[in-house]
């Protein structure tokens, strides 16, 4: 299991990702993009906007960085670029996400970009016999436009 996301282990095999992403244009209610490290020509993760809520003009945001992409700022850069793209090129008014309490690095990145804590789901994940809280966060387009996070207007 990829601990920080609560996801199964993922092997970022380039051919698997090419096949997966070739089907993504058929999905009209989400956007999945691979994160590439061009210097090494490898896939290191993905960013996703999904769970479109038309009424609130909102989507869920998630990111996964595999072991080969960690500790180099790629997650922060990909998060900022993706959010800038979404708020610039869509009619979305907000993005939401959940981050597990045992992932303070991700929470700090999200807060730096402008996400704020909306609520906490207590004991949302059982991991190695321990119950982990899930922190629900939100970033509005208005806050993004004001540049309250690291976005520069």
Protein backbone atom coordinates (compact mmCIF):
# COMPACT_ATOMS: atom_id res chain seq x y z
CA UNK A 1 0.00 0.00 0.00
CA UNK A 2 1.20 3.51 -0.75
CA UNK A 3 0.90 4.75 2.81
CA UNK A 4 0.46 8.48 2.30
CA UNK A 5 -2.47 8.13 -0.10
CA UNK A 6 -4.02 4.94 1.25
CA UNK A 7 -3.74 3.54 -2.29
CA UNK A 8 -2.39 0.20 -3.50
CA UNK A 9 1.28 0.24 -4.52
CA UNK A 10 1.73 1.65 -7.99
CA UNK A 11 4.54 0.84 -10.40
CA UNK A 12 4.90 3.73 -12.82
CA UNK A 13 5.61 1.60 -15.88
CA UNK A 14 5.64 3.88 -18.92
CA UNK A 15 3.73 1.47 -21.19
CA UNK A 16 1.00 0.92 -18.60
CA UNK A 17 0.57 4.66 -18.26
CA UNK A 18 0.51 5.26 -22.03
CA UNK A 19 -2.28 2.69 -22.34
CA UNK A 20 -4.20 4.16 -19.37
CA UNK A 21 -3.92 7.79 -20.48
CA UNK A 22 -4.89 6.94 -24.05
CA UNK A 23 -8.40 6.17 -22.67
CA UNK A 24 -8.73 9.37 -20.64
CA UNK A 25 -10.23 11.56 -23.38
CA UNK A 26 -13.32 9.35 -23.22
CA UNK A 27 -13.90 10.53 -19.63
CA UNK A 28 -15.75 13.85 -19.85
CA UNK A 29 -16.17 14.36 -16.09
CA UNK A 30 -12.49 14.19 -15.09
CA UNK A 31 -8.97 15.09 -16.12
CA UNK A 32 -6.07 12.70 -15.51
CA UNK A 33 -2.52 13.78 -16.37
CA UNK A 34 0.77 11.97 -15.91
CA UNK A 35 3.66 13.74 -14.19
CA UNK A 36 6.85 13.25 -16.14
CA UNK A 37 10.43 13.90 -15.12
CA UNK A 38 11.77 15.03 -18.48
CA UNK A 39 15.39 14.95 -17.33
CA UNK A 40 15.13 11.18 -16.78
CA UNK A 41 12.29 10.48 -19.27
CA UNK A 42 10.25 8.69 -16.59
CA UNK A 43 6.71 8.91 -15.27
CA UNK A 44 6.81 9.81 -11.59
CA UNK A 45 3.14 10.30 -10.76
CA UNK A 46 -0.20 11.72 -11.73
CA UNK A 47 -2.57 14.59 -11.02
CA UNK A 48 -6.31 14.11 -11.26
CA UNK A 49 -9.42 16.27 -11.11
CA UNK A 50 -12.50 14.08 -10.73
CA UNK A 51 -15.91 13.80 -9.07
CA UNK A 52 -17.34 16.76 -10.99
CA UNK A 53 -20.15 18.52 -9.12
CA UNK A 54 -22.00 20.61 -11.69
CA UNK A 55 -24.24 22.35 -9.14
CA UNK A 56 -21.29 23.73 -7.18
CA UNK A 57 -18.90 23.94 -10.14
CA UNK A 58 -16.48 21.88 -8.09
CA UNK A 59 -14.10 18.96 -8.56
CA UNK A 60 -11.96 16.81 -6.33
CA UNK A 61 -8.18 17.10 -6.68
CA UNK A 62 -5.67 14.36 -6.03
CA UNK A 63 -2.00 13.78 -6.72
CA UNK A 64 0.29 10.80 -6.39
CA UNK A 65 4.07 10.99 -6.62
CA UNK A 66 5.90 7.68 -6.78
CA UNK A 67 9.26 7.00 -5.10
CA UNK A 68 11.34 8.12 -8.12
CA UNK A 69 9.75 11.58 -8.05
CA UNK A 70 9.83 12.42 -4.37
CA UNK A 71 11.87 15.03 -2.51
CA UNK A 72 12.52 17.19 -5.57
CA UNK A 73 9.58 19.60 -5.51
CA UNK A 74 7.82 17.87 -8.41
CA UNK A 75 4.61 17.39 -6.41
CA UNK A 76 4.43 21.04 -5.45
CA UNK A 77 5.17 22.16 -9.00
CA UNK A 78 2.66 19.75 -10.55
CA UNK A 79 -0.03 20.74 -8.04
CA UNK A 80 0.44 24.45 -8.72
CA UNK A 81 0.53 24.04 -12.51
CA UNK A 82 -2.55 21.80 -12.55
CA UNK A 83 -4.59 24.10 -10.32
CA UNK A 84 -3.54 27.14 -12.34
CA UNK A 85 -4.65 25.33 -15.49
CA UNK A 86 -8.01 24.28 -14.02
CA UNK A 87 -8.94 27.72 -12.72
CA UNK A 88 -7.74 29.46 -15.89
CA UNK A 89 -9.30 27.13 -18.49
CA UNK A 90 -12.53 25.86 -16.87
CA UNK A 91 -15.59 27.27 -15.15
CA UNK A 92 -14.71 25.58 -11.84
CA UNK A 93 -15.30 27.68 -8.73
CA UNK A 94 -13.62 25.38 -6.23
CA UNK A 95 -11.44 22.34 -5.75
CA UNK A 96 -11.67 19.95 -2.84
CA UNK A 97 -9.34 17.26 -1.57
CA UNK A 98 -8.73 14.90 1.32
CA UNK A 99 -5.34 14.26 2.87
CA UNK A 100 -4.57 11.72 5.57
CA UNK A 101 -3.34 13.09 8.88
CA UNK A 102 -0.10 11.12 8.64
CA UNK A 103 0.88 13.09 5.51
CA UNK A 104 1.82 16.53 6.91
CA UNK A 105 4.12 17.33 3.95
CA UNK A 106 1.20 17.15 1.52
CA UNK A 107 -1.02 19.16 3.86
CA UNK A 108 1.67 21.86 4.04
CA UNK A 109 1.91 21.99 0.23
CA UNK A 110 -1.86 22.32 -0.08
CA UNK A 111 -1.96 25.09 2.55
CA UNK A 112 0.92 26.92 0.83
CA UNK A 113 -1.06 26.85 -2.42
CA UNK A 114 -4.16 28.20 -0.63
CA UNK A 115 -6.29 25.22 0.40
CA UNK A 116 -7.98 25.57 3.80
CA UNK A 117 -9.25 22.88 6.16
CA UNK A 118 -13.02 22.46 5.87
CA UNK A 119 -13.60 19.43 8.09
CA UNK A 120 -12.00 16.28 9.47
CA UNK A 121 -13.31 12.74 9.05
CA UNK A 122 -12.17 11.02 12.24
CA UNK A 123 -10.79 7.48 11.99
CA UNK A 124 -11.33 7.34 8.22
CA UNK A 125 -8.58 4.83 7.39
CA UNK A 126 -7.22 1.86 9.25
CA UNK A 127 -3.51 1.50 8.57
CA UNK A 128 -1.33 -1.05 10.36
CA UNK A 129 -3.84 -1.27 13.19
CA UNK A 130 -4.07 2.48 13.69
CA UNK A 131 -7.05 4.66 12.80
CA UNK A 132 -6.11 7.71 10.72
CA UNK A 133 -8.09 10.93 10.28
CA UNK A 134 -8.80 12.35 6.82
CA UNK A 135 -8.52 16.13 6.51
CA UNK A 136 -10.91 17.68 3.97
CA UNK A 137 -9.64 20.86 2.33
CA UNK A 138 -10.98 23.38 -0.20
CA UNK A 139 -9.56 26.03 -2.51
CA UNK A 140 -11.92 28.52 -4.12
CA UNK A 141 -11.22 30.21 -7.42
CA UNK A 142 -11.67 33.56 -5.68
CA UNK A 143 -8.95 32.76 -3.12
CA UNK A 144 -6.72 31.47 -5.93
CA UNK A 145 -7.26 34.73 -7.90
CA UNK A 146 -6.32 36.80 -4.85
CA UNK A 147 -3.05 34.90 -4.65
CA UNK A 148 -3.52 33.92 -0.99
CA UNK A 149 -1.43 30.82 -1.71
CA UNK A 150 1.72 30.66 -3.83
CA UNK A 151 -0.15 31.54 -7.07
CA UNK A 152 1.04 34.83 -8.48
CA UNK A 153 -1.64 36.88 -10.25
